[in-house]
Amino acid sequence: MTQHAPAIVAVVGGGCMGAGIAQVFATLGSIVTVAEAGDRAAAHARIANGLDAAAAKGKLPGTMAEEVLDRVRMVGDIADLPADATLLVEAVPEDIALKLDVLASVEQTVGQDTVIASNTSSLPIGELGAALADPARFLGMHFFNPVPVSRLVEIVRSAVTGEATVTAVRNWVAGLGKEGIVVNDFPGFATSRLGVALGLEAIRMLEDGVADAEAIDRAMELGYRHAMGPLRSTDLVGLDVRLAIAEHLATDLGSRFEPPQLLREKVARGELGRKTGRGFHTWDTKETR
């Protein structure tokens, strides 16, 4: 285990993001426990598949994938998470009531020295931290999908987040081989605010008939050297997720973040992007498993 690895990590939520977070910390050398109230076998399989993919790309030598997976334990209840966790990351869906309930439960389980983080992409850290008796040890730790290959973690501090908490998380992020940028607690932070603004305008351009989705994306990829166009990026994030963030930002920042009708219609039809095989682009359904 490297000096930048938290010894014991707890993750709440075994979905795509939670599984990815568990994978990268286990790879770093941490002992990881994932609390998943739903299908624990599916959550475990996500981690195993992610490790197999890393091994196939030469990112994990020999039998290391099996060794890493042995450091991961699945539980069904927050109360079964380790009390001596160094870091706990909440990675449940973007529902503020749900996150507040989870965070309140978490604080009853982990020790007083555990750093607690939320993987929220847009919900206010100060408001989430209000669920805790000690919000100084709480911050946002916004990972990006897919977690194992994304280079960025957005570290979001509230007005009361302690400097020691920020420093510890920055060191752990560096240990993961990622870069942490520290931002203050404003609606949408930095990445979601900019990413959603670009994505919404791309959707409006599609609505207006400026060009098709492929042309709009290639224009940004080739002309502005974006690794991925805004519509393909929206597919990867999930149209439902982007819609929820846009609605939240429209409430806080005004009509410029009002979701386009096309986005609402696609979500209503269940065209949610890569995870359903169709969004603004068509995806191989094997990639969504």
C-alpha atoms as a PDB file:
ATOM      1  CA  MET A   1       0.000   0.000   0.000  1.00  0.00           C
ATOM      2  CA  THR A   2       1.368   3.435  -0.910  1.00  0.00           C
ATOM      3  CA  GLN A   3       1.778   6.225   1.607  1.00  0.00           C
ATOM      4  CA  HIS A   4      -1.037   8.074  -0.168  1.00  0.00           C
ATOM      5  CA  ALA A   5      -3.584   5.280   0.272  1.00  0.00           C
ATOM      6  CA  PRO A   6      -6.266   5.453   2.968  1.00  0.00           C
ATOM      7  CA  ALA A   7      -5.881   2.139   4.833  1.00  0.00           C
ATOM      8  CA  ILE A   8      -9.587   1.333   5.063  1.00  0.00           C
ATOM      9  CA  VAL A   9     -12.190   2.725   2.668  1.00  0.00           C
ATOM     10  CA  ALA A  10     -15.964   2.432   2.882  1.00  0.00           C
ATOM     11  CA  VAL A  11     -18.227   3.143  -0.097  1.00  0.00           C
ATOM     12  CA  VAL A  12     -22.006   3.503   0.096  1.00  0.00           C
ATOM     13  CA  GLY A  13     -23.584   2.530  -3.207  1.00  0.00           C
ATOM     14  CA  GLY A  14     -22.433  -0.163  -5.615  1.00  0.00           C
ATOM     15  CA  GLY A  15     -23.630   1.363  -8.878  1.00  0.00           C
ATOM     16  CA  CYS A  16     -21.373   2.423 -11.720  1.00  0.00           C
ATOM     17  CA  MET A  17     -19.712   5.219  -9.744  1.00  0.00           C
ATOM     18  CA  GLY A  18     -19.506   3.396  -6.412  1.00  0.00           C
ATOM     19  CA  ALA A  19     -18.024   0.301  -8.049  1.00  0.00           C
ATOM     20  CA  GLY A  20     -15.456   2.411  -9.865  1.00  0.00           C
ATOM     21  CA  ILE A  21     -14.468   4.214  -6.679  1.00  0.00           C
ATOM     22  CA  ALA A  22     -14.119   0.891  -4.862  1.00  0.00           C
ATOM     23  CA  GLN A  23     -11.991  -0.464  -7.704  1.00  0.00           C
ATOM     24  CA  VAL A  24      -9.476   2.385  -7.757  1.00  0.00           C
ATOM     25  CA  PHE A  25      -8.943   2.426  -3.996  1.00  0.00           C
ATOM     26  CA  ALA A  26      -8.595  -1.357  -3.830  1.00  0.00           C
ATOM     27  CA  THR A  27      -6.061  -1.158  -6.654  1.00  0.00           C
ATOM     28  CA  LEU A  28      -4.162   1.460  -4.664  1.00  0.00           C
ATOM     29  CA  GLY A  29      -3.943  -0.993  -1.758  1.00  0.00           C
ATOM     30  CA  SER A  30      -6.844   0.009   0.472  1.00  0.00           C
ATOM     31  CA  ILE A  31      -9.150  -2.529   2.124  1.00  0.00           C
ATOM     32  CA  VAL A  32     -12.569  -1.580   0.727  1.00  0.00           C
ATOM     33  CA  THR A  33     -16.069  -2.340   1.995  1.00  0.00           C
ATOM     34  CA  VAL A  34     -19.033  -1.501  -0.225  1.00  0.00           C
ATOM     35  CA  ALA A  35     -22.537  -1.153   1.216  1.00  0.00           C
ATOM     36  CA  GLU A  36     -25.129  -1.928  -1.447  1.00  0.00           C
ATOM     37  CA  ALA A  37     -28.766  -2.291  -0.411  1.00  0.00           C
ATOM     38  CA  GLY A  38     -29.790  -3.756  -3.771  1.00  0.00           C
ATOM     39  CA  ASP A  39     -28.084  -6.395  -5.889  1.00  0.00           C
ATOM     40  CA  ARG A  40     -24.722  -6.977  -4.192  1.00  0.00           C
ATOM     41  CA  ALA A  41     -23.721  -9.645  -6.705  1.00  0.00           C
ATOM     42  CA  ALA A  42     -24.171  -7.186  -9.569  1.00  0.00           C
ATOM     43  CA  ALA A  43     -22.139  -4.557  -7.720  1.00  0.00           C
ATOM     44  CA  HIS A  44     -19.355  -7.061  -7.089  1.00  0.00           C
ATOM     45  CA  ALA A  45     -19.445  -8.069 -10.759  1.00  0.00           C
ATOM     46  CA  ARG A  46     -19.003  -4.432 -11.823  1.00  0.00           C
ATOM     47  CA  ILE A  47     -15.802  -4.233  -9.810  1.00  0.00           C
ATOM     48  CA  ALA A  48     -14.567  -7.600 -11.108  1.00  0.00           C
ATOM     49  CA  ASN A  49     -15.326  -6.618 -14.711  1.00  0.00           C
ATOM     50  CA  GLY A  50     -13.535  -3.314 -14.243  1.00  0.00           C
ATOM     51  CA  LEU A  51     -10.457  -5.081 -12.930  1.00  0.00           C
ATOM     52  CA  ASP A  52     -10.550  -7.583 -15.795  1.00  0.00           C
ATOM     53  CA  ALA A  53     -10.732  -4.693 -18.267  1.00  0.00           C
ATOM     54  CA  ALA A  54      -7.738  -3.010 -16.602  1.00  0.00           C
ATOM     55  CA  ALA A  55      -5.777  -6.259 -16.754  1.00  0.00           C
ATOM     56  CA  ALA A  56      -6.651  -6.738 -20.422  1.00  0.00           C
ATOM     57  CA  LYS A  57      -5.247  -3.266 -21.156  1.00  0.00           C
ATOM     58  CA  GLY A  58      -2.037  -4.079 -19.313  1.00  0.00           C
ATOM     59  CA  LYS A  59      -2.827  -1.796 -16.375  1.00  0.00           C
ATOM     60  CA  LEU A  60      -2.703  -4.678 -13.866  1.00  0.00           C
ATOM     61  CA  PRO A  61       0.124  -7.213 -14.162  1.00  0.00           C
ATOM     62  CA  GLY A  62      -0.242 -10.974 -13.757  1.00  0.00           C
ATOM     63  CA  THR A  63      -2.819 -12.126 -11.260  1.00  0.00           C
ATOM     64  CA  MET A  64      -3.092  -8.733  -9.591  1.00  0.00           C
ATOM     65  CA  ALA A  65      -6.770  -8.374 -10.558  1.00  0.00           C
ATOM     66  CA  GLU A  66      -7.613 -11.303  -8.292  1.00  0.00           C
ATOM     67  CA  GLU A  67      -5.479  -9.885  -5.491  1.00  0.00           C
ATOM     68  CA  VAL A  68      -7.216  -6.520  -5.757  1.00  0.00           C
ATOM     69  CA  LEU A  69     -10.678  -8.107  -5.770  1.00  0.00           C
ATOM     70  CA  ASP A  70      -9.772  -9.992  -2.593  1.00  0.00           C
ATOM     71  CA  ARG A  71      -9.460  -6.613  -0.871  1.00  0.00           C
ATOM     72  CA  VAL A  72     -13.123  -5.800  -1.593  1.00  0.00           C
ATOM     73  CA  ARG A  73     -15.985  -6.883   0.687  1.00  0.00           C
ATOM     74  CA  MET A  74     -19.694  -6.401   0.001  1.00  0.00           C
ATOM     75  CA  VAL A  75     -22.269  -5.736   2.742  1.00  0.00           C
ATOM     76  CA  GLY A  76     -25.961  -4.965   2.596  1.00  0.00           C
ATOM     77  CA  ASP A  77     -26.272  -2.368   5.330  1.00  0.00           C
ATOM     78  CA  ILE A  78     -24.484   0.827   6.323  1.00  0.00           C
ATOM     79  CA  ALA A  79     -24.316  -0.474   9.897  1.00  0.00           C
ATOM     80  CA  ASP A  80     -21.974  -3.215   8.646  1.00  0.00           C
ATOM     81  CA  LEU A  81     -19.354  -0.773   7.369  1.00  0.00           C
ATOM     82  CA  PRO A  82     -16.052  -0.697   9.284  1.00  0.00           C
ATOM     83  CA  ALA A  83     -16.068   1.733  12.202  1.00  0.00           C
ATOM     84  CA  ASP A  84     -12.339   2.348  11.694  1.00  0.00           C
ATOM     85  CA  ALA A  85     -12.649   3.459   8.073  1.00  0.00           C
ATOM     86  CA  THR A  86     -10.116   6.112   7.096  1.00  0.00           C
ATOM     87  CA  LEU A  87     -12.359   7.441   4.318  1.00  0.00           C
ATOM     88  CA  LEU A  88     -16.034   6.943   3.520  1.00  0.00           C
ATOM     89  CA  VAL A  89     -17.418   7.935   0.133  1.00  0.00           C
ATOM     90  CA  GLU A  90     -21.178   8.212  -0.334  1.00  0.00           C
ATOM     91  CA  ALA A  91     -22.067   7.353  -3.951  1.00  0.00           C
ATOM     92  CA  VAL A  92     -25.846   6.952  -3.998  1.00  0.00           C
ATOM     93  CA  PRO A  93     -28.118   8.593  -6.642  1.00  0.00           C
ATOM     94  CA  GLU A  94     -28.434  12.388  -6.877  1.00  0.00           C
ATOM     95  CA  ASP A  95     -31.404  12.692  -4.535  1.00  0.00           C
ATOM     96  CA  ILE A  96     -30.744  15.146  -1.726  1.00  0.00           C
ATOM     97  CA  ALA A  97     -33.190  13.520   0.706  1.00  0.00           C
ATOM     98  CA  LEU A  98     -31.581  10.129   0.116  1.00  0.00           C
ATOM     99  CA  LYS A  99     -28.066  11.514   0.551  1.00  0.00           C
ATOM    100  CA  LEU A 100     -28.996  13.320   3.764  1.00  0.00           C
ATOM    101  CA  ASP A 101     -30.463  10.110   5.169  1.00  0.00           C
ATOM    102  CA  VAL A 102     -27.383   8.103   4.179  1.00  0.00           C
ATOM    103  CA  LEU A 103     -24.976  10.645   5.648  1.00  0.00           C
ATOM    104  CA  ALA A 104     -26.850  10.777   8.938  1.00  0.00           C
ATOM    105  CA  SER A 105     -26.672   6.964   9.144  1.00  0.00           C
ATOM    106  CA  VAL A 106     -23.008   6.921   8.168  1.00  0.00           C
ATOM    107  CA  GLU A 107     -22.003   9.197  11.024  1.00  0.00           C
ATOM    108  CA  GLN A 108     -23.551   6.751  13.484  1.00  0.00           C
ATOM    109  CA  THR A 109     -21.375   3.961  12.079  1.00  0.00           C
ATOM    110  CA  VAL A 110     -17.881   5.294  11.400  1.00  0.00           C
ATOM    111  CA  GLY A 111     -15.419   6.720  13.887  1.00  0.00           C
ATOM    112  CA  GLN A 112     -14.840  10.364  14.726  1.00  0.00           C
ATOM    113  CA  ASP A 113     -11.664  10.527  12.640  1.00  0.00           C
ATOM    114  CA  THR A 114     -13.190   9.167   9.431  1.00  0.00           C
ATOM    115  CA  VAL A 115     -13.177  11.617   6.529  1.00  0.00           C
ATOM    116  CA  ILE A 116     -16.638  11.589   4.923  1.00  0.00           C
ATOM    117  CA  ALA A 117     -17.119  12.557   1.279  1.00  0.00           C
ATOM    118  CA  SER A 118     -20.021  12.748  -1.156  1.00  0.00           C
ATOM    119  CA  ASN A 119     -19.633  11.901  -4.827  1.00  0.00           C
ATOM    120  CA  THR A 120     -22.344  14.405  -5.746  1.00  0.00           C
ATOM    121  CA  SER A 121     -21.917  16.211  -9.039  1.00  0.00           C
ATOM    122  CA  SER A 122     -23.978  19.263  -8.153  1.00  0.00           C
ATOM    123  CA  LEU A 123     -25.783  19.145  -4.784  1.00  0.00           C
ATOM    124  CA  PRO A 124     -24.636  21.741  -2.230  1.00  0.00           C
ATOM    125  CA  ILE A 125     -21.946  20.410   0.087  1.00  0.00           C
ATOM    126  CA  GLY A 126     -22.926  22.803   2.872  1.00  0.00           C
ATOM    127  CA  GLU A 127     -26.493  21.529   2.831  1.00  0.00           C
ATOM    128  CA  LEU A 128     -25.396  17.889   2.755  1.00  0.00           C
ATOM    129  CA  GLY A 129     -22.907  18.510   5.546  1.00  0.00           C
ATOM    130  CA  ALA A 130     -25.708  19.807   7.739  1.00  0.00           C
ATOM    131  CA  ALA A 131     -26.706  16.164   8.239  1.00  0.00           C
ATOM    132  CA  LEU A 132     -23.487  15.644  10.217  1.00  0.00           C
ATOM    133  CA  ALA A 133     -22.597  16.658  13.754  1.00  0.00           C
ATOM    134  CA  ASP A 134     -19.050  17.416  12.528  1.00  0.00           C
ATOM    135  CA  PRO A 135     -19.244  18.932   9.016  1.00  0.00           C
ATOM    136  CA  ALA A 136     -15.581  19.956   9.184  1.00  0.00           C
ATOM    137  CA  ARG A 137     -14.621  16.414   8.160  1.00  0.00           C
ATOM    138  CA  PHE A 138     -16.989  16.451   5.170  1.00  0.00           C
ATOM    139  CA  LEU A 139     -16.482  17.540   1.572  1.00  0.00           C
ATOM    140  CA  GLY A 140     -17.387  16.725  -1.994  1.00  0.00           C
ATOM    141  CA  MET A 141     -15.273  14.174  -3.832  1.00  0.00           C
ATOM    142  CA  HIS A 142     -16.666  14.313  -7.352  1.00  0.00           C
ATOM    143  CA  PHE A 143     -15.291  11.456  -9.449  1.00  0.00           C
ATOM    144  CA  PHE A 144     -15.927  11.178 -13.176  1.00  0.00           C
ATOM    145  CA  ASN A 145     -17.200   8.276 -15.233  1.00  0.00           C
ATOM    146  CA  PRO A 146     -15.523   5.919 -15.948  1.00  0.00           C
ATOM    147  CA  VAL A 147     -13.715   6.299 -12.625  1.00  0.00           C
ATOM    148  CA  PRO A 148     -10.707   4.032 -13.315  1.00  0.00           C
ATOM    149  CA  VAL A 149      -9.567   5.973 -16.399  1.00  0.00           C
ATOM    150  CA  SER A 150     -10.729   9.508 -15.618  1.00  0.00           C
ATOM    151  CA  ARG A 151      -7.848  11.746 -14.521  1.00  0.00           C
ATOM    152  CA  LEU A 152      -9.885  14.289 -12.540  1.00  0.00           C
ATOM    153  CA  VAL A 153     -11.459  14.426  -9.085  1.00  0.00           C
ATOM    154  CA  GLU A 154     -13.245  17.651  -8.175  1.00  0.00           C
ATOM    155  CA  ILE A 155     -12.730  18.334  -4.457  1.00  0.00           C
ATOM    156  CA  VAL A 156     -15.483  20.594  -3.151  1.00  0.00           C
ATOM    157  CA  ARG A 157     -15.125  22.302   0.196  1.00  0.00           C
ATOM    158  CA  SER A 158     -17.918  24.023   2.074  1.00  0.00           C
ATOM    159  CA  ALA A 159     -17.461  27.086   4.261  1.00  0.00           C
ATOM    160  CA  VAL A 160     -16.770  24.809   7.255  1.00  0.00           C
ATOM    161  CA  THR A 161     -14.703  22.018   5.684  1.00  0.00           C
ATOM    162  CA  GLY A 162     -11.427  21.738   7.598  1.00  0.00           C
ATOM    163  CA  GLU A 163      -8.104  22.312   5.847  1.00  0.00           C
ATOM    164  CA  ALA A 164      -6.810  19.008   7.223  1.00  0.00           C
ATOM    165  CA  THR A 165      -9.710  17.257   5.486  1.00  0.00           C
ATOM    166  CA  VAL A 166      -8.908  18.921   2.159  1.00  0.00           C
ATOM    167  CA  THR A 167      -5.206  18.115   2.467  1.00  0.00           C
ATOM    168  CA  ALA A 168      -5.846  14.445   3.252  1.00  0.00           C
ATOM    169  CA  VAL A 169      -8.181  14.032   0.280  1.00  0.00           C
ATOM    170  CA  ARG A 170      -5.790  15.798  -2.085  1.00  0.00           C
ATOM    171  CA  ASN A 171      -3.044  13.362  -1.060  1.00  0.00           C
ATOM    172  CA  TRP A 172      -5.316  10.344  -1.586  1.00  0.00           C
ATOM    173  CA  VAL A 173      -6.396  11.603  -5.002  1.00  0.00           C
ATOM    174  CA  ALA A 174      -2.750  12.075  -5.988  1.00  0.00           C
ATOM    175  CA  GLY A 175      -2.089   8.512  -4.815  1.00  0.00           C
ATOM    176  CA  LEU A 176      -4.755   7.323  -7.241  1.00  0.00           C
ATOM    177  CA  GLY A 177      -2.770   8.901 -10.060  1.00  0.00           C
ATOM    178  CA  LYS A 178      -5.454  11.525 -10.563  1.00  0.00           C
ATOM    179  CA  GLU A 179      -5.421  15.288 -10.257  1.00  0.00           C
ATOM    180  CA  GLY A 180      -7.616  16.948  -7.664  1.00  0.00           C
ATOM    181  CA  ILE A 181      -8.875  20.457  -8.251  1.00  0.00           C
ATOM    182  CA  VAL A 182     -10.249  22.264  -5.200  1.00  0.00           C
ATOM    183  CA  VAL A 183     -13.355  24.386  -5.713  1.00  0.00           C
ATOM    184  CA  ASN A 184     -15.693  26.206  -3.385  1.00  0.00           C
ATOM    185  CA  ASP A 185     -19.292  25.209  -2.748  1.00  0.00           C
ATOM    186  CA  PHE A 186     -21.280  26.987  -5.475  1.00  0.00           C
ATOM    187  CA  PRO A 187     -24.165  25.575  -7.544  1.00  0.00           C
ATOM    188  CA  GLY A 188     -22.800  23.090 -10.069  1.00  0.00           C
ATOM    189  CA  PHE A 189     -19.268  23.532  -8.718  1.00  0.00           C
ATOM    190  CA  ALA A 190     -16.918  24.091 -11.698  1.00  0.00           C
ATOM    191  CA  THR A 191     -17.228  20.977 -13.844  1.00  0.00           C
ATOM    192  CA  SER A 192     -20.974  20.366 -13.760  1.00  0.00           C
ATOM    193  CA  ARG A 193     -21.735  24.045 -14.315  1.00  0.00           C
ATOM    194  CA  LEU A 194     -19.517  24.290 -17.390  1.00  0.00           C
ATOM    195  CA  GLY A 195     -20.266  20.797 -18.683  1.00  0.00           C
ATOM    196  CA  VAL A 196     -24.035  21.215 -18.397  1.00  0.00           C
ATOM    197  CA  ALA A 197     -23.936  24.665 -20.034  1.00  0.00           C
ATOM    198  CA  LEU A 198     -22.110  23.244 -23.050  1.00  0.00           C
ATOM    199  CA  GLY A 199     -24.274  20.116 -23.180  1.00  0.00           C
ATOM    200  CA  LEU A 200     -27.554  22.042 -23.032  1.00  0.00           C
ATOM    201  CA  GLU A 201     -26.489  24.374 -25.833  1.00  0.00           C
ATOM    202  CA  ALA A 202     -25.483  21.376 -27.966  1.00  0.00           C
ATOM    203  CA  ILE A 203     -28.959  19.881 -27.397  1.00  0.00           C
ATOM    204  CA  ARG A 204     -30.578  23.199 -28.403  1.00  0.00           C
ATOM    205  CA  MET A 205     -28.465  23.193 -31.590  1.00  0.00           C
ATOM    206  CA  LEU A 206     -29.714  19.689 -32.342  1.00  0.00           C
ATOM    207  CA  GLU A 207     -33.304  20.841 -31.741  1.00  0.00           C
ATOM    208  CA  ASP A 208     -32.789  23.803 -34.090  1.00  0.00           C
ATOM    209  CA  GLY A 209     -31.385  21.601 -36.844  1.00  0.00           C
ATOM    210  CA  VAL A 210     -27.954  23.235 -36.909  1.00  0.00           C
ATOM    211  CA  ALA A 211     -26.339  19.818 -37.479  1.00  0.00           C
ATOM    212  CA  ASP A 212     -26.749  16.206 -36.455  1.00  0.00           C
ATOM    213  CA  ALA A 213     -25.341  14.844 -33.196  1.00  0.00           C
ATOM    214  CA  GLU A 214     -22.238  13.348 -34.786  1.00  0.00           C
ATOM    215  CA  ALA A 215     -21.313  16.609 -36.524  1.00  0.00           C
ATOM    216  CA  ILE A 216     -21.831  18.703 -33.380  1.00  0.00           C
ATOM    217  CA  ASP A 217     -19.625  16.378 -31.354  1.00  0.00           C
ATOM    218  CA  ARG A 218     -16.897  16.155 -33.991  1.00  0.00           C
ATOM    219  CA  ALA A 219     -16.842  19.945 -34.280  1.00  0.00           C
ATOM    220  CA  MET A 220     -15.884  20.243 -30.609  1.00  0.00           C
ATOM    221  CA  GLU A 221     -13.491  17.290 -30.714  1.00  0.00           C
ATOM    222  CA  LEU A 222     -11.577  18.492 -33.748  1.00  0.00           C
ATOM    223  CA  GLY A 223     -12.034  22.232 -33.502  1.00  0.00           C
ATOM    224  CA  TYR A 224     -11.533  22.645 -29.747  1.00  0.00           C
ATOM    225  CA  ARG A 225      -9.610  19.460 -28.983  1.00  0.00           C
ATOM    226  CA  HIS A 226     -12.260  18.124 -26.604  1.00  0.00           C
ATOM    227  CA  ALA A 227     -11.665  14.449 -25.889  1.00  0.00           C
ATOM    228  CA  MET A 228     -15.406  13.836 -26.278  1.00  0.00           C
ATOM    229  CA  GLY A 229     -18.180  15.943 -27.778  1.00  0.00           C
ATOM    230  CA  PRO A 230     -20.931  17.398 -25.544  1.00  0.00           C
ATOM    231  CA  LEU A 231     -23.705  15.077 -26.766  1.00  0.00           C
ATOM    232  CA  ARG A 232     -21.612  11.926 -26.451  1.00  0.00           C
ATOM    233  CA  SER A 233     -20.541  13.158 -23.030  1.00  0.00           C
ATOM    234  CA  THR A 234     -24.203  13.606 -22.066  1.00  0.00           C
ATOM    235  CA  ASP A 235     -24.832  10.010 -23.148  1.00  0.00           C
ATOM    236  CA  LEU A 236     -21.982   8.829 -20.943  1.00  0.00           C
ATOM    237  CA  VAL A 237     -23.151  10.814 -17.898  1.00  0.00           C
ATOM    238  CA  GLY A 238     -26.767   9.753 -18.454  1.00  0.00           C
ATOM    239  CA  LEU A 239     -29.502  11.973 -19.846  1.00  0.00           C
ATOM    240  CA  ASP A 240     -31.542  11.543 -16.670  1.00  0.00           C
ATOM    241  CA  VAL A 241     -28.596  12.640 -14.546  1.00  0.00           C
ATOM    242  CA  ARG A 242     -27.925  15.652 -16.756  1.00  0.00           C
ATOM    243  CA  LEU A 243     -31.610  16.602 -16.671  1.00  0.00           C
ATOM    244  CA  ALA A 244     -31.665  16.493 -12.866  1.00  0.00           C
ATOM    245  CA  ILE A 245     -28.540  18.647 -12.643  1.00  0.00           C
ATOM    246  CA  ALA A 246     -29.919  21.135 -15.169  1.00  0.00           C
ATOM    247  CA  GLU A 247     -33.171  21.471 -13.232  1.00  0.00           C
ATOM    248  CA  HIS A 248     -31.225  22.047 -10.028  1.00  0.00           C
ATOM    249  CA  LEU A 249     -29.036  24.703 -11.666  1.00  0.00           C
ATOM    250  CA  ALA A 250     -32.042  26.394 -13.291  1.00  0.00           C
ATOM    251  CA  THR A 251     -33.564  26.805  -9.837  1.00  0.00           C
ATOM    252  CA  ASP A 252     -30.375  28.291  -8.392  1.00  0.00           C
ATOM    253  CA  LEU A 253     -28.860  30.161 -11.343  1.00  0.00           C
ATOM    254  CA  GLY A 254     -31.726  31.034 -13.639  1.00  0.00           C
ATOM    255  CA  SER A 255     -33.304  30.238 -16.979  1.00  0.00           C
ATOM    256  CA  ARG A 256     -30.028  29.806 -18.894  1.00  0.00           C
ATOM    257  CA  PHE A 257     -29.933  26.297 -17.410  1.00  0.00           C
ATOM    258  CA  GLU A 258     -33.557  25.455 -18.271  1.00  0.00           C
ATOM    259  CA  PRO A 259     -33.492  21.965 -19.848  1.00  0.00           C
ATOM    260  CA  PRO A 260     -34.405  21.812 -23.572  1.00  0.00           C
ATOM    261  CA  GLN A 261     -37.627  20.018 -24.450  1.00  0.00           C
ATOM    262  CA  LEU A 262     -35.677  17.434 -26.463  1.00  0.00           C
ATOM    263  CA  LEU A 263     -33.797  16.361 -23.339  1.00  0.00           C
ATOM    264  CA  ARG A 264     -37.037  15.979 -21.384  1.00  0.00           C
ATOM    265  CA  GLU A 265     -38.608  13.948 -24.198  1.00  0.00           C
ATOM    266  CA  LYS A 266     -35.672  11.559 -24.462  1.00  0.00           C
ATOM    267  CA  VAL A 267     -35.644  10.948 -20.716  1.00  0.00           C
ATOM    268  CA  ALA A 268     -39.406  10.338 -20.762  1.00  0.00           C
ATOM    269  CA  ARG A 269     -38.874   7.737 -23.526  1.00  0.00           C
ATOM    270  CA  GLY A 270     -36.166   6.007 -21.521  1.00  0.00           C
ATOM    271  CA  GLU A 271     -33.384   7.051 -23.918  1.00  0.00           C
ATOM    272  CA  LEU A 272     -30.862   7.690 -21.171  1.00  0.00           C
ATOM    273  CA  GLY A 273     -27.612   7.279 -23.076  1.00  0.00           C
ATOM    274  CA  ARG A 274     -24.949   4.612 -22.883  1.00  0.00           C
ATOM    275  CA  LYS A 275     -26.601   2.719 -20.016  1.00  0.00           C
ATOM    276  CA  THR A 276     -29.746   2.062 -22.078  1.00  0.00           C
ATOM    277  CA  GLY A 277     -28.046   1.739 -25.467  1.00  0.00           C
ATOM    278  CA  ARG A 278     -29.566   4.907 -26.901  1.00  0.00           C
ATOM    279  CA  GLY A 279     -29.368   8.625 -26.170  1.00  0.00           C
ATOM    280  CA  PHE A 280     -28.116  11.183 -28.658  1.00  0.00           C
ATOM    281  CA  HIS A 281     -26.052   8.343 -30.137  1.00  0.00           C
ATOM    282  CA  THR A 282     -26.607   4.588 -30.396  1.00  0.00           C
ATOM    283  CA  TRP A 283     -24.402   2.421 -28.197  1.00  0.00           C
ATOM    284  CA  ASP A 284     -23.490  -1.235 -28.243  1.00  0.00           C
ATOM    285  CA  THR A 285     -25.648  -2.680 -25.444  1.00  0.00           C
ATOM    286  CA  LYS A 286     -22.748  -4.957 -24.426  1.00  0.00           C
ATOM    287  CA  GLU A 287     -20.965  -1.812 -23.235  1.00  0.00           C
ATOM    288  CA  THR A 288     -23.730  -1.084 -20.739  1.00  0.00           C
ATOM    289  CA  ARG A 289     -23.438  -4.329 -18.784  1.00  0.00           C
END
